[in-house]
């Protein structure tokens, strides 16, 4: 997976999460939302430590090693929704439609083979993440036009916008590292993928 050198300081081109919606043009331009800018540049720290592995157990990682079970964006979102529904005790079809609605606003494929679908749900009582990996890559309408290998979905309560943004910031820190992206793209099992994320989070502290 070839890197474009894009900065992951800002995980999405548009924040449209749980009552917070503020567009910006890019990481070097002045109209970013100041609150989100501070969160992303600080890596999401608000004095309390959080890790993606706290909300992403190995049971919510799905790896398509080339058998073609994840062919496109719709497949990836459906699998993400199913994994999250099991973890949260929520309706999978509702989660899938929320992800799809978010994608209709703008693709969460941020480039360099990464997509970060995210949404909020009234029925969710806590934050949760799920991960779909495709060794071959899949079309996702990413901003760089390239196929996506890493689809990391995040969902949480509607009344926890600040926490949601901190999670997205942590994801952006995790995946801005090219070697981590490459390793995840080539992972052959959920256990291996979890170990890659765990090792990177230990580096981040």
Foldseek 3Di string as FASTA:
>chain_A
DDDPLFALLDQAQWDDALPDTFGDDGDPDDRDDPVLNVCSVVLNDPPDDDAQCVFEPLQQEAEDQPPCQQAADLSVLLSFLVSVCVVQVHDSVVSSVQQVVVVVVPFQQADPQEGEREYEDQSGPAKHKHKYAYLVFYQGNHPVRDGHGIYMYIYHHSVPVSVVSSVSSNVSVQPSDNVLRVQRSNDDGSVSNSVSRVVSVVVVD
